[in-house]
Amino acid sequence: MDSSNTSTQLRAGFFVLLGLLCIGSLVLYFGRFGESVKKYYTLTVEYHNASGLLKGADVMLAGAKIGEVAAPPKVLPNMRGVAVSLRIDETVQIPEGSIFSIGSSGLLGDRFVTVTMVGDAAELKPIAHGSVIPNGRSESSISELQRQLHDEILPKLGDALD
């Protein structure tokens, strides 16, 4: 065997191995494999209407992703709304009194949960893991405004004009 042929084959093998390692690391980085290593805790938020909110939707705090919707909304036993289970990153401690509202973004109206803190977060006690938050809010959409106009405002306006 020729020694130059062997060294060429070793170099080619080294670059193929390096390329495979790069591709593997990109798959791990851009795939969601890294999220399985993170630790999460769950919170359940009750909403009157969680229309369009799907499993895997983002949970945002001040524009940063802090978790995701763990499961599709489930109807409450009293039939007066739905319960949405959220997976929150363990490093994020949400203070009590925070507002959990459903928002939408993009042309297609992708839904997400946004957390708004009230008061000074350092002074308030964090929400306990596994807690149920009973007062989730939905941000107003055009269909919600139309429903409110039709169901609430127009009847009152008609009574006032009579």
C-alpha atoms as a PDB file:
ATOM      1  CA  MET A   1       0.000   0.000   0.000  1.00  0.00           C
ATOM      2  CA  ASP A   2       1.091   3.470  -0.783  1.00  0.00           C
ATOM      3  CA  SER A   3       1.547   5.717   2.284  1.00  0.00           C
ATOM      4  CA  SER A   4       0.217   8.816   0.459  1.00  0.00           C
ATOM      5  CA  ASN A   5      -2.984   6.899  -0.419  1.00  0.00           C
ATOM      6  CA  THR A   6      -3.436   5.895   3.244  1.00  0.00           C
ATOM      7  CA  SER A   7      -2.953   9.454   4.513  1.00  0.00           C
ATOM      8  CA  THR A   8      -5.450  10.768   1.930  1.00  0.00           C
ATOM      9  CA  GLN A   9      -8.004   8.207   3.093  1.00  0.00           C
ATOM     10  CA  LEU A  10      -7.410   9.148   6.757  1.00  0.00           C
ATOM     11  CA  ARG A  11      -7.897  12.852   5.968  1.00  0.00           C
ATOM     12  CA  ALA A  12     -11.084  12.136   4.021  1.00  0.00           C
ATOM     13  CA  GLY A  13     -12.398   9.965   6.863  1.00  0.00           C
ATOM     14  CA  PHE A  14     -11.602  12.704   9.389  1.00  0.00           C
ATOM     15  CA  PHE A  15     -13.532  15.327   7.376  1.00  0.00           C
ATOM     16  CA  VAL A  16     -16.491  12.986   6.895  1.00  0.00           C
ATOM     17  CA  LEU A  17     -16.569  12.350  10.665  1.00  0.00           C
ATOM     18  CA  LEU A  18     -16.306  16.102  11.355  1.00  0.00           C
ATOM     19  CA  GLY A  19     -19.183  16.767   8.926  1.00  0.00           C
ATOM     20  CA  LEU A  20     -21.382  14.133  10.569  1.00  0.00           C
ATOM     21  CA  LEU A  21     -20.693  15.625  14.013  1.00  0.00           C
ATOM     22  CA  CYS A  22     -21.649  19.087  12.732  1.00  0.00           C
ATOM     23  CA  ILE A  23     -24.882  17.797  11.216  1.00  0.00           C
ATOM     24  CA  GLY A  24     -25.721  15.901  14.423  1.00  0.00           C
ATOM     25  CA  SER A  25     -25.128  18.967  16.595  1.00  0.00           C
ATOM     26  CA  LEU A  26     -27.326  21.105  14.305  1.00  0.00           C
ATOM     27  CA  VAL A  27     -30.125  18.550  14.529  1.00  0.00           C
ATOM     28  CA  LEU A  28     -29.908  18.622  18.333  1.00  0.00           C
ATOM     29  CA  TYR A  29     -29.745  22.419  18.431  1.00  0.00           C
ATOM     30  CA  PHE A  30     -32.581  23.207  16.008  1.00  0.00           C
ATOM     31  CA  GLY A  31     -34.707  20.204  16.927  1.00  0.00           C
ATOM     32  CA  ARG A  32     -36.502  20.253  20.249  1.00  0.00           C
ATOM     33  CA  PHE A  33     -34.297  17.582  21.771  1.00  0.00           C
ATOM     34  CA  GLY A  34     -32.685  20.101  24.149  1.00  0.00           C
ATOM     35  CA  GLU A  35     -36.035  20.912  25.747  1.00  0.00           C
ATOM     36  CA  SER A  36     -36.371  17.400  27.122  1.00  0.00           C
ATOM     37  CA  VAL A  37     -33.366  18.101  29.358  1.00  0.00           C
ATOM     38  CA  LYS A  38     -34.910  21.247  30.899  1.00  0.00           C
ATOM     39  CA  LYS A  39     -36.969  20.978  34.070  1.00  0.00           C
ATOM     40  CA  TYR A  40     -40.516  22.313  34.130  1.00  0.00           C
ATOM     41  CA  TYR A  41     -43.353  22.748  36.586  1.00  0.00           C
ATOM     42  CA  THR A  42     -47.048  22.870  35.761  1.00  0.00           C
ATOM     43  CA  LEU A  43     -49.716  25.479  36.357  1.00  0.00           C
ATOM     44  CA  THR A  44     -53.367  25.235  35.383  1.00  0.00           C
ATOM     45  CA  VAL A  45     -55.215  28.350  34.250  1.00  0.00           C
ATOM     46  CA  GLU A  46     -59.001  28.490  33.936  1.00  0.00           C
ATOM     47  CA  TYR A  47     -60.481  30.534  31.075  1.00  0.00           C
ATOM     48  CA  HIS A  48     -64.050  31.273  30.007  1.00  0.00           C
ATOM     49  CA  ASN A  49     -62.970  30.810  26.379  1.00  0.00           C
ATOM     50  CA  ALA A  50     -59.629  29.475  25.129  1.00  0.00           C
ATOM     51  CA  SER A  51     -60.609  29.337  21.474  1.00  0.00           C
ATOM     52  CA  GLY A  52     -57.689  28.620  19.158  1.00  0.00           C
ATOM     53  CA  LEU A  53     -55.219  27.744  21.920  1.00  0.00           C
ATOM     54  CA  LEU A  54     -53.427  24.525  20.992  1.00  0.00           C
ATOM     55  CA  LYS A  55     -51.041  22.137  22.694  1.00  0.00           C
ATOM     56  CA  GLY A  56     -47.472  23.384  22.225  1.00  0.00           C
ATOM     57  CA  ALA A  57     -48.427  27.073  22.025  1.00  0.00           C
ATOM     58  CA  ASP A  58     -45.907  29.423  23.637  1.00  0.00           C
ATOM     59  CA  VAL A  59     -46.170  30.951  27.101  1.00  0.00           C
ATOM     60  CA  MET A  60     -44.553  34.401  27.015  1.00  0.00           C
ATOM     61  CA  LEU A  61     -43.376  36.771  29.737  1.00  0.00           C
ATOM     62  CA  ALA A  62     -42.330  40.246  28.559  1.00  0.00           C
ATOM     63  CA  GLY A  63     -41.709  38.856  25.068  1.00  0.00           C
ATOM     64  CA  ALA A  64     -39.541  35.922  26.209  1.00  0.00           C
ATOM     65  CA  LYS A  65     -40.693  32.306  25.933  1.00  0.00           C
ATOM     66  CA  ILE A  66     -40.920  30.775  29.406  1.00  0.00           C
ATOM     67  CA  GLY A  67     -42.912  27.645  28.620  1.00  0.00           C
ATOM     68  CA  GLU A  68     -45.622  26.077  26.545  1.00  0.00           C
ATOM     69  CA  VAL A  69     -49.183  24.803  26.695  1.00  0.00           C
ATOM     70  CA  ALA A  70     -48.849  21.209  27.927  1.00  0.00           C
ATOM     71  CA  ALA A  71     -52.227  19.858  26.791  1.00  0.00           C
ATOM     72  CA  PRO A  72     -55.271  20.991  24.847  1.00  0.00           C
ATOM     73  CA  PRO A  73     -57.908  22.861  26.882  1.00  0.00           C
ATOM     74  CA  LYS A  74     -60.233  20.601  28.920  1.00  0.00           C
ATOM     75  CA  VAL A  75     -63.803  21.481  29.841  1.00  0.00           C
ATOM     76  CA  LEU A  76     -64.277  22.252  33.545  1.00  0.00           C
ATOM     77  CA  PRO A  77     -66.647  19.985  35.522  1.00  0.00           C
ATOM     78  CA  ASN A  78     -69.106  22.863  36.043  1.00  0.00           C
ATOM     79  CA  MET A  79     -69.185  23.507  32.247  1.00  0.00           C
ATOM     80  CA  ARG A  80     -68.363  27.202  32.762  1.00  0.00           C
ATOM     81  CA  GLY A  81     -65.041  27.288  30.970  1.00  0.00           C
ATOM     82  CA  VAL A  82     -61.897  25.335  30.246  1.00  0.00           C
ATOM     83  CA  ALA A  83     -58.718  24.468  32.112  1.00  0.00           C
ATOM     84  CA  VAL A  84     -55.405  24.899  30.310  1.00  0.00           C
ATOM     85  CA  SER A  85     -52.303  23.146  31.636  1.00  0.00           C
ATOM     86  CA  LEU A  86     -49.048  25.112  31.225  1.00  0.00           C
ATOM     87  CA  ARG A  87     -45.453  23.858  31.466  1.00  0.00           C
ATOM     88  CA  ILE A  88     -43.267  26.654  32.868  1.00  0.00           C
ATOM     89  CA  ASP A  89     -39.458  26.631  32.934  1.00  0.00           C
ATOM     90  CA  GLU A  90     -38.313  25.872  36.484  1.00  0.00           C
ATOM     91  CA  THR A  91     -35.907  28.845  36.505  1.00  0.00           C
ATOM     92  CA  VAL A  92     -38.852  31.272  36.088  1.00  0.00           C
ATOM     93  CA  GLN A  93     -40.810  32.047  39.256  1.00  0.00           C
ATOM     94  CA  ILE A  94     -44.061  33.847  38.422  1.00  0.00           C
ATOM     95  CA  PRO A  95     -45.326  36.049  41.291  1.00  0.00           C
ATOM     96  CA  GLU A  96     -48.826  35.690  42.696  1.00  0.00           C
ATOM     97  CA  GLY A  97     -51.367  38.093  41.229  1.00  0.00           C
ATOM     98  CA  SER A  98     -49.932  37.804  37.718  1.00  0.00           C
ATOM     99  CA  ILE A  99     -52.418  37.917  34.854  1.00  0.00           C
ATOM    100  CA  PHE A 100     -52.545  35.043  32.353  1.00  0.00           C
ATOM    101  CA  SER A 101     -54.170  36.197  29.122  1.00  0.00           C
ATOM    102  CA  ILE A 102     -54.539  34.673  25.678  1.00  0.00           C
ATOM    103  CA  GLY A 103     -53.194  36.722  22.795  1.00  0.00           C
ATOM    104  CA  SER A 104     -52.758  36.231  19.078  1.00  0.00           C
ATOM    105  CA  SER A 105     -50.048  37.093  16.603  1.00  0.00           C
ATOM    106  CA  GLY A 106     -49.281  36.795  12.929  1.00  0.00           C
ATOM    107  CA  LEU A 107     -51.522  36.817   9.903  1.00  0.00           C
ATOM    108  CA  LEU A 108     -53.039  33.467  10.770  1.00  0.00           C
ATOM    109  CA  GLY A 109     -53.821  34.455  14.356  1.00  0.00           C
ATOM    110  CA  ASP A 110     -51.572  32.004  16.186  1.00  0.00           C
ATOM    111  CA  ARG A 111     -52.651  31.969  19.843  1.00  0.00           C
ATOM    112  CA  PHE A 112     -50.332  32.074  22.848  1.00  0.00           C
ATOM    113  CA  VAL A 113     -50.501  32.723  26.587  1.00  0.00           C
ATOM    114  CA  THR A 114     -48.907  35.912  27.853  1.00  0.00           C
ATOM    115  CA  VAL A 115     -48.098  36.523  31.511  1.00  0.00           C
ATOM    116  CA  THR A 116     -48.316  40.074  32.858  1.00  0.00           C
ATOM    117  CA  MET A 117     -46.912  40.751  36.314  1.00  0.00           C
ATOM    118  CA  VAL A 118     -48.578  43.294  38.562  1.00  0.00           C
ATOM    119  CA  GLY A 119     -46.617  45.191  41.183  1.00  0.00           C
ATOM    120  CA  ASP A 120     -43.019  44.528  42.130  1.00  0.00           C
ATOM    121  CA  ALA A 121     -42.115  40.902  41.389  1.00  0.00           C
ATOM    122  CA  ALA A 122     -39.345  40.856  44.017  1.00  0.00           C
ATOM    123  CA  GLU A 123     -41.789  41.642  46.851  1.00  0.00           C
ATOM    124  CA  LEU A 124     -44.434  39.057  45.937  1.00  0.00           C
ATOM    125  CA  LYS A 125     -44.436  35.350  46.734  1.00  0.00           C
ATOM    126  CA  PRO A 126     -44.123  33.062  43.668  1.00  0.00           C
ATOM    127  CA  ILE A 127     -47.032  30.921  42.522  1.00  0.00           C
ATOM    128  CA  ALA A 128     -46.699  27.403  43.925  1.00  0.00           C
ATOM    129  CA  HIS A 129     -46.019  24.559  41.513  1.00  0.00           C
ATOM    130  CA  GLY A 130     -49.194  22.738  40.480  1.00  0.00           C
ATOM    131  CA  SER A 131     -51.467  25.685  41.379  1.00  0.00           C
ATOM    132  CA  VAL A 132     -54.768  26.473  39.671  1.00  0.00           C
ATOM    133  CA  ILE A 133     -55.242  30.094  38.575  1.00  0.00           C
ATOM    134  CA  PRO A 134     -58.995  30.746  38.300  1.00  0.00           C
ATOM    135  CA  ASN A 135     -59.023  34.090  36.497  1.00  0.00           C
ATOM    136  CA  GLY A 136     -57.417  33.698  33.064  1.00  0.00           C
ATOM    137  CA  ARG A 137     -58.309  36.388  30.532  1.00  0.00           C
ATOM    138  CA  SER A 138     -58.754  36.432  26.783  1.00  0.00           C
ATOM    139  CA  GLU A 139     -57.639  39.474  24.853  1.00  0.00           C
ATOM    140  CA  SER A 140     -60.364  41.045  22.774  1.00  0.00           C
ATOM    141  CA  SER A 141     -60.556  40.014  19.161  1.00  0.00           C
ATOM    142  CA  ILE A 142     -62.820  41.311  16.416  1.00  0.00           C
ATOM    143  CA  SER A 143     -65.208  38.370  16.816  1.00  0.00           C
ATOM    144  CA  GLU A 144     -65.350  38.929  20.593  1.00  0.00           C
ATOM    145  CA  LEU A 145     -66.136  42.636  20.046  1.00  0.00           C
ATOM    146  CA  GLN A 146     -68.868  41.724  17.528  1.00  0.00           C
ATOM    147  CA  ARG A 147     -70.396  39.255  19.982  1.00  0.00           C
ATOM    148  CA  GLN A 148     -70.314  41.837  22.763  1.00  0.00           C
ATOM    149  CA  LEU A 149     -71.884  44.469  20.497  1.00  0.00           C
ATOM    150  CA  HIS A 150     -74.660  42.090  19.425  1.00  0.00           C
ATOM    151  CA  ASP A 151     -75.378  40.489  22.813  1.00  0.00           C
ATOM    152  CA  GLU A 152     -74.842  43.342  25.255  1.00  0.00           C
ATOM    153  CA  ILE A 153     -74.640  46.802  23.716  1.00  0.00           C
ATOM    154  CA  LEU A 154     -77.405  46.718  21.080  1.00  0.00           C
ATOM    155  CA  PRO A 155     -80.128  45.474  23.507  1.00  0.00           C
ATOM    156  CA  LYS A 156     -79.210  48.217  26.006  1.00  0.00           C
ATOM    157  CA  LEU A 157     -79.201  50.809  23.228  1.00  0.00           C
ATOM    158  CA  GLY A 158     -82.628  49.616  22.033  1.00  0.00           C
ATOM    159  CA  ASP A 159     -84.030  49.844  25.594  1.00  0.00           C
ATOM    160  CA  ALA A 160     -82.581  53.340  26.022  1.00  0.00           C
ATOM    161  CA  LEU A 161     -84.096  54.546  22.740  1.00  0.00           C
ATOM    162  CA  ASP A 162     -87.533  53.137  23.609  1.00  0.00           C
END
